[in-house]
Amino acid sequence: MPTSILDKLKAGTVLGDGGYLLALESRGYVQAGPFTPEVTIEHPNALAALHEEFLHAGAEVLQVLAFYASENKLAQIGYAGKLAEINQAAVRIAREAAWSIDYENPQSATEAYHHMREEQ
């Protein structure tokens, strides 16, 4: 049976990812500021590649790139009505990156997206 994240935390240190905004900005995919989640639908391959880089570097936990994704903030930059699309893409991209390297037991804290793999 795969090890849960809680069991891994009880056993010791768990290495996570980080630095998405800075890495994507340095590569020209986002401009630093309060609005960055649109990269999930504008440049999904860049985000997927970054997830995979973090995993290959040893990350055991991937974050879903969805911070600042709210209807009111997205509407301010021309993405009104795109919240669900952005969040679903963010979860799908992170999970696909984990599955692409046979990562053990990819999990989502967002219950609404737990069955995305089976639906594809």
N, C-alpha and C. Protein backbone atom coordinates (compact mmCIF):
# COMPACT_ATOMS: atom_id res chain seq x y z
N MET A 1 0.84 -1.18 0.00
CA MET A 1 0.00 0.00 0.00
C MET A 1 0.89 1.24 0.00
N PRO A 2 0.57 2.24 -0.83
CA PRO A 2 1.39 3.45 -0.89
C PRO A 2 1.40 4.20 0.45
N THR A 3 2.49 4.88 0.71
CA THR A 3 2.64 5.66 1.94
C THR A 3 1.92 6.99 1.80
N SER A 4 1.11 7.34 2.78
CA SER A 4 0.41 8.63 2.74
C SER A 4 1.37 9.75 3.12
N ILE A 5 1.00 10.95 2.75
CA ILE A 5 1.83 12.11 3.10
C ILE A 5 1.93 12.26 4.62
N LEU A 6 0.86 11.96 5.34
CA LEU A 6 0.90 12.06 6.80
C LEU A 6 1.87 11.06 7.40
N ASP A 7 1.91 9.84 6.86
CA ASP A 7 2.86 8.85 7.35
C ASP A 7 4.30 9.28 7.04
N LYS A 8 4.50 9.86 5.86
CA LYS A 8 5.83 10.34 5.52
C LYS A 8 6.28 11.45 6.47
N LEU A 9 5.36 12.35 6.80
CA LEU A 9 5.69 13.44 7.73
C LEU A 9 6.01 12.91 9.12
N LYS A 10 5.29 11.90 9.56
CA LYS A 10 5.57 11.30 10.87
C LYS A 10 6.95 10.66 10.90
N ALA A 11 7.37 10.14 9.74
CA ALA A 11 8.65 9.45 9.66
C ALA A 11 9.85 10.40 9.56
N GLY A 12 9.58 11.65 9.22
CA GLY A 12 10.70 12.58 9.10
C GLY A 12 10.42 13.69 8.11
N THR A 13 11.47 14.20 7.53
CA THR A 13 11.42 15.32 6.61
C THR A 13 10.83 14.89 5.26
N VAL A 14 9.99 15.75 4.72
CA VAL A 14 9.44 15.54 3.39
C VAL A 14 9.83 16.75 2.55
N LEU A 15 10.46 16.50 1.43
CA LEU A 15 10.94 17.58 0.57
C LEU A 15 9.85 18.04 -0.38
N GLY A 16 9.58 19.34 -0.41
CA GLY A 16 8.58 19.90 -1.30
C GLY A 16 9.21 20.72 -2.40
N ASP A 17 8.35 21.19 -3.26
CA ASP A 17 8.80 22.05 -4.35
C ASP A 17 8.73 23.50 -3.89
N GLY A 18 9.05 24.40 -4.78
CA GLY A 18 8.94 25.81 -4.44
C GLY A 18 9.64 26.68 -5.46
N GLY A 19 9.26 27.93 -5.47
CA GLY A 19 9.89 28.86 -6.39
C GLY A 19 9.28 28.90 -7.76
N TYR A 20 8.02 28.50 -7.87
CA TYR A 20 7.37 28.50 -9.19
C TYR A 20 7.38 29.87 -9.85
N LEU A 21 6.96 30.86 -9.11
CA LEU A 21 6.84 32.19 -9.70
C LEU A 21 8.19 32.69 -10.21
N LEU A 22 9.22 32.58 -9.39
CA LEU A 22 10.54 33.07 -9.81
C LEU A 22 11.08 32.29 -11.01
N ALA A 23 10.90 30.98 -11.00
CA ALA A 23 11.38 30.17 -12.13
C ALA A 23 10.62 30.49 -13.40
N LEU A 24 9.29 30.60 -13.32
CA LEU A 24 8.50 30.90 -14.51
C LEU A 24 8.75 32.32 -15.00
N GLU A 25 8.98 33.25 -14.07
CA GLU A 25 9.28 34.62 -14.46
C GLU A 25 10.64 34.69 -15.17
N SER A 26 11.63 34.01 -14.64
CA SER A 26 12.97 34.06 -15.24
C SER A 26 12.97 33.44 -16.64
N ARG A 27 12.00 32.58 -16.91
CA ARG A 27 11.89 31.94 -18.22
C ARG A 27 10.94 32.69 -19.16
N GLY A 28 10.37 33.79 -18.66
CA GLY A 28 9.54 34.64 -19.49
C GLY A 28 8.08 34.24 -19.60
N TYR A 29 7.60 33.36 -18.73
CA TYR A 29 6.22 32.89 -18.82
C TYR A 29 5.23 33.70 -17.99
N VAL A 30 5.69 34.36 -16.95
CA VAL A 30 4.83 35.21 -16.13
C VAL A 30 5.58 36.48 -15.79
N GLN A 31 4.84 37.49 -15.42
CA GLN A 31 5.43 38.71 -14.90
C GLN A 31 5.06 38.78 -13.44
N ALA A 32 6.04 38.95 -12.58
CA ALA A 32 5.78 38.97 -11.15
C ALA A 32 4.72 40.02 -10.83
N GLY A 33 3.85 39.66 -9.95
CA GLY A 33 2.75 40.52 -9.54
C GLY A 33 1.67 39.66 -8.94
N PRO A 34 0.54 40.25 -8.70
CA PRO A 34 -0.50 39.49 -8.02
C PRO A 34 -1.23 38.47 -8.90
N PHE A 35 -1.02 38.47 -10.19
CA PHE A 35 -1.79 37.59 -11.07
C PHE A 35 -0.85 36.66 -11.83
N THR A 36 -0.78 35.42 -11.42
CA THR A 36 0.08 34.47 -12.09
C THR A 36 -0.57 33.14 -12.45
N PRO A 37 -1.76 32.81 -11.95
CA PRO A 37 -2.27 31.46 -12.21
C PRO A 37 -2.67 31.21 -13.66
N GLU A 38 -2.78 32.26 -14.47
CA GLU A 38 -3.18 32.06 -15.86
C GLU A 38 -2.14 31.27 -16.66
N VAL A 39 -0.94 31.11 -16.13
CA VAL A 39 0.09 30.32 -16.80
C VAL A 39 -0.40 28.87 -16.99
N THR A 40 -1.30 28.42 -16.14
CA THR A 40 -1.80 27.05 -16.25
C THR A 40 -2.55 26.80 -17.54
N ILE A 41 -3.17 27.85 -18.10
CA ILE A 41 -3.88 27.66 -19.37
C ILE A 41 -3.15 28.32 -20.53
N GLU A 42 -2.26 29.27 -20.25
CA GLU A 42 -1.51 29.92 -21.33
C GLU A 42 -0.24 29.15 -21.70
N HIS A 43 0.42 28.58 -20.70
CA HIS A 43 1.69 27.88 -20.92
C HIS A 43 1.74 26.58 -20.11
N PRO A 44 0.80 25.68 -20.33
CA PRO A 44 0.76 24.46 -19.52
C PRO A 44 2.02 23.61 -19.64
N ASN A 45 2.65 23.59 -20.80
CA ASN A 45 3.87 22.78 -20.95
C ASN A 45 5.02 23.31 -20.12
N ALA A 46 5.09 24.63 -19.99
CA ALA A 46 6.15 25.22 -19.16
C ALA A 46 5.95 24.84 -17.69
N LEU A 47 4.71 24.88 -17.25
CA LEU A 47 4.41 24.51 -15.86
C LEU A 47 4.67 23.02 -15.64
N ALA A 48 4.26 22.20 -16.57
CA ALA A 48 4.50 20.75 -16.45
C ALA A 48 6.00 20.46 -16.37
N ALA A 49 6.78 21.12 -17.21
CA ALA A 49 8.22 20.90 -17.20
C ALA A 49 8.83 21.31 -15.87
N LEU A 50 8.33 22.39 -15.29
CA LEU A 50 8.85 22.84 -14.00
C LEU A 50 8.49 21.85 -12.89
N HIS A 51 7.26 21.34 -12.90
CA HIS A 51 6.89 20.30 -11.94
C HIS A 51 7.85 19.12 -12.05
N GLU A 52 8.10 18.68 -13.27
CA GLU A 52 8.98 17.53 -13.47
C GLU A 52 10.40 17.83 -13.00
N GLU A 53 10.86 19.05 -13.21
CA GLU A 53 12.20 19.42 -12.72
C GLU A 53 12.26 19.31 -11.20
N PHE A 54 11.23 19.80 -10.53
CA PHE A 54 11.20 19.69 -9.07
C PHE A 54 11.19 18.23 -8.62
N LEU A 55 10.42 17.40 -9.29
CA LEU A 55 10.38 15.98 -8.93
C LEU A 55 11.73 15.31 -9.15
N HIS A 56 12.36 15.59 -10.28
CA HIS A 56 13.66 15.00 -10.57
C HIS A 56 14.74 15.51 -9.61
N ALA A 57 14.52 16.69 -9.03
CA ALA A 57 15.46 17.24 -8.06
C ALA A 57 15.22 16.66 -6.66
N GLY A 58 14.16 15.86 -6.52
CA GLY A 58 13.92 15.19 -5.24
C GLY A 58 12.67 15.61 -4.50
N ALA A 59 11.88 16.52 -5.05
CA ALA A 59 10.65 16.92 -4.37
C ALA A 59 9.71 15.73 -4.21
N GLU A 60 9.13 15.62 -3.04
CA GLU A 60 8.16 14.57 -2.75
C GLU A 60 6.74 15.12 -2.73
N VAL A 61 6.60 16.44 -2.75
CA VAL A 61 5.30 17.11 -2.71
C VAL A 61 5.29 18.19 -3.77
N LEU A 62 4.25 18.20 -4.59
CA LEU A 62 4.06 19.26 -5.58
C LEU A 62 2.91 20.15 -5.14
N GLN A 63 3.08 21.44 -5.32
CA GLN A 63 1.99 22.37 -5.08
C GLN A 63 1.22 22.58 -6.38
N VAL A 64 -0.05 22.83 -6.23
CA VAL A 64 -0.87 23.20 -7.38
C VAL A 64 -0.75 24.71 -7.55
N LEU A 65 -0.37 25.14 -8.73
CA LEU A 65 -0.18 26.57 -8.98
C LEU A 65 -1.53 27.25 -9.21
N ALA A 66 -2.16 27.64 -8.11
CA ALA A 66 -3.49 28.27 -8.20
C ALA A 66 -3.63 29.45 -7.25
N PHE A 67 -2.50 29.91 -6.68
CA PHE A 67 -2.63 31.05 -5.78
C PHE A 67 -3.05 32.29 -6.56
N TYR A 68 -3.80 33.12 -5.90
CA TYR A 68 -4.41 34.32 -6.48
C TYR A 68 -5.45 34.01 -7.55
N ALA A 69 -5.88 32.77 -7.64
CA ALA A 69 -6.93 32.43 -8.60
C ALA A 69 -8.29 32.60 -7.93
N SER A 70 -8.86 33.77 -8.10
CA SER A 70 -10.21 34.04 -7.60
C SER A 70 -10.95 34.79 -8.70
N GLU A 71 -12.26 34.64 -8.72
CA GLU A 71 -13.06 35.26 -9.79
C GLU A 71 -12.81 36.75 -9.91
N ASN A 72 -12.80 37.46 -8.78
CA ASN A 72 -12.65 38.92 -8.87
C ASN A 72 -11.27 39.33 -9.38
N LYS A 73 -10.22 38.64 -8.95
CA LYS A 73 -8.88 38.99 -9.43
C LYS A 73 -8.68 38.61 -10.89
N LEU A 74 -9.22 37.46 -11.28
CA LEU A 74 -9.08 37.04 -12.68
C LEU A 74 -9.87 37.95 -13.61
N ALA A 75 -11.01 38.43 -13.15
CA ALA A 75 -11.82 39.34 -13.98
C ALA A 75 -11.06 40.64 -14.26
N GLN A 76 -10.23 41.07 -13.34
CA GLN A 76 -9.46 42.31 -13.50
C GLN A 76 -8.44 42.23 -14.63
N ILE A 77 -8.05 41.01 -14.99
CA ILE A 77 -7.03 40.85 -16.04
C ILE A 77 -7.57 40.14 -17.27
N GLY A 78 -8.89 40.12 -17.39
CA GLY A 78 -9.50 39.56 -18.60
C GLY A 78 -9.77 38.07 -18.57
N TYR A 79 -9.78 37.46 -17.41
CA TYR A 79 -10.02 36.03 -17.29
C TYR A 79 -11.31 35.73 -16.51
N ALA A 80 -12.30 36.58 -16.66
CA ALA A 80 -13.59 36.36 -16.00
C ALA A 80 -14.16 35.01 -16.44
N GLY A 81 -14.69 34.27 -15.49
CA GLY A 81 -15.28 32.98 -15.79
C GLY A 81 -14.29 31.86 -16.03
N LYS A 82 -13.01 32.09 -15.77
CA LYS A 82 -11.97 31.08 -16.05
C LYS A 82 -11.45 30.39 -14.78
N LEU A 83 -12.03 30.69 -13.63
CA LEU A 83 -11.51 30.15 -12.38
C LEU A 83 -11.48 28.62 -12.38
N ALA A 84 -12.60 28.00 -12.72
CA ALA A 84 -12.64 26.52 -12.72
C ALA A 84 -11.64 25.96 -13.72
N GLU A 85 -11.55 26.54 -14.91
CA GLU A 85 -10.62 26.05 -15.93
C GLU A 85 -9.18 26.14 -15.44
N ILE A 86 -8.83 27.26 -14.82
CA ILE A 86 -7.47 27.46 -14.31
C ILE A 86 -7.17 26.48 -13.19
N ASN A 87 -8.08 26.33 -12.23
CA ASN A 87 -7.84 25.42 -11.11
C ASN A 87 -7.79 23.97 -11.56
N GLN A 88 -8.68 23.58 -12.46
CA GLN A 88 -8.66 22.21 -12.97
C GLN A 88 -7.37 21.93 -13.74
N ALA A 89 -6.93 22.89 -14.53
CA ALA A 89 -5.68 22.71 -15.27
C ALA A 89 -4.50 22.60 -14.31
N ALA A 90 -4.50 23.40 -13.27
CA ALA A 90 -3.40 23.37 -12.29
C ALA A 90 -3.31 22.00 -11.63
N VAL A 91 -4.43 21.45 -11.23
CA VAL A 91 -4.44 20.13 -10.60
C VAL A 91 -4.03 19.05 -11.60
N ARG A 92 -4.59 19.10 -12.80
CA ARG A 92 -4.27 18.11 -13.83
C ARG A 92 -2.78 18.11 -14.16
N ILE A 93 -2.20 19.28 -14.34
CA ILE A 93 -0.79 19.39 -14.71
C ILE A 93 0.10 18.83 -13.61
N ALA A 94 -0.17 19.16 -12.36
CA ALA A 94 0.64 18.65 -11.25
C ALA A 94 0.52 17.13 -11.13
N ARG A 95 -0.69 16.62 -11.25
CA ARG A 95 -0.88 15.17 -11.13
C ARG A 95 -0.25 14.44 -12.30
N GLU A 96 -0.39 14.96 -13.51
CA GLU A 96 0.23 14.30 -14.67
C GLU A 96 1.75 14.29 -14.54
N ALA A 97 2.31 15.35 -14.00
CA ALA A 97 3.77 15.37 -13.79
C ALA A 97 4.17 14.28 -12.81
N ALA A 98 3.41 14.12 -11.75
CA ALA A 98 3.71 13.08 -10.77
C ALA A 98 3.59 11.70 -11.40
N TRP A 99 2.53 11.47 -12.18
CA TRP A 99 2.34 10.16 -12.82
C TRP A 99 3.39 9.90 -13.88
N SER A 100 3.92 10.95 -14.51
CA SER A 100 4.86 10.76 -15.61
C SER A 100 6.16 10.11 -15.16
N ILE A 101 6.48 10.22 -13.89
CA ILE A 101 7.69 9.57 -13.38
C ILE A 101 7.34 8.47 -12.38
N ASP A 102 6.11 7.96 -12.47
CA ASP A 102 5.65 6.91 -11.58
C ASP A 102 5.80 7.30 -10.12
N TYR A 103 5.47 8.53 -9.83
CA TYR A 103 5.54 9.01 -8.46
C TYR A 103 4.55 8.23 -7.61
N GLU A 104 4.96 7.88 -6.41
CA GLU A 104 4.13 7.05 -5.54
C GLU A 104 2.90 7.81 -5.04
N ASN A 105 1.72 7.28 -5.32
CA ASN A 105 0.47 7.74 -4.73
C ASN A 105 0.22 9.24 -4.87
N PRO A 106 0.11 9.76 -6.10
CA PRO A 106 -0.22 11.17 -6.22
C PRO A 106 -1.53 11.49 -5.51
N GLN A 107 -1.54 12.53 -4.70
CA GLN A 107 -2.71 12.88 -3.91
C GLN A 107 -3.08 14.32 -4.15
N SER A 108 -4.34 14.61 -3.99
CA SER A 108 -4.83 15.98 -4.10
C SER A 108 -5.59 16.32 -2.84
N ALA A 109 -5.30 17.49 -2.29
CA ALA A 109 -6.04 17.94 -1.12
C ALA A 109 -7.39 18.50 -1.52
N THR A 110 -7.61 18.64 -2.80
CA THR A 110 -8.86 19.20 -3.31
C THR A 110 -9.77 18.04 -3.70
N GLU A 111 -10.70 17.70 -2.83
CA GLU A 111 -11.57 16.54 -3.04
C GLU A 111 -12.27 16.56 -4.40
N ALA A 112 -12.64 17.73 -4.89
CA ALA A 112 -13.39 17.82 -6.14
C ALA A 112 -12.60 17.26 -7.32
N TYR A 113 -11.29 17.16 -7.21
CA TYR A 113 -10.48 16.74 -8.35
C TYR A 113 -9.84 15.36 -8.16
N HIS A 114 -10.23 14.64 -7.11
CA HIS A 114 -9.62 13.33 -6.84
C HIS A 114 -9.82 12.33 -7.97
N HIS A 115 -10.91 12.42 -8.70
CA HIS A 115 -11.20 11.42 -9.71
C HIS A 115 -10.87 11.86 -11.12
N MET A 116 -10.08 12.90 -11.27
CA MET A 116 -9.75 13.41 -12.60
C MET A 116 -9.02 12.36 -13.43
N ARG A 117 -8.15 11.58 -12.83
CA ARG A 117 -7.38 10.58 -13.58
C ARG A 117 -8.30 9.54 -14.19
N GLU A 118 -9.27 9.06 -13.40
CA GLU A 118 -10.18 8.04 -13.89
C GLU A 118 -11.08 8.57 -14.99
N GLU A 119 -11.40 9.86 -14.97
CA GLU A 119 -12.30 10.45 -15.96
C GLU A 119 -11.60 10.69 -17.29
N GLN A 120 -10.27 10.72 -17.30
CA GLN A 120 -9.55 11.02 -18.54
C GLN A 120 -9.44 9.83 -19.43
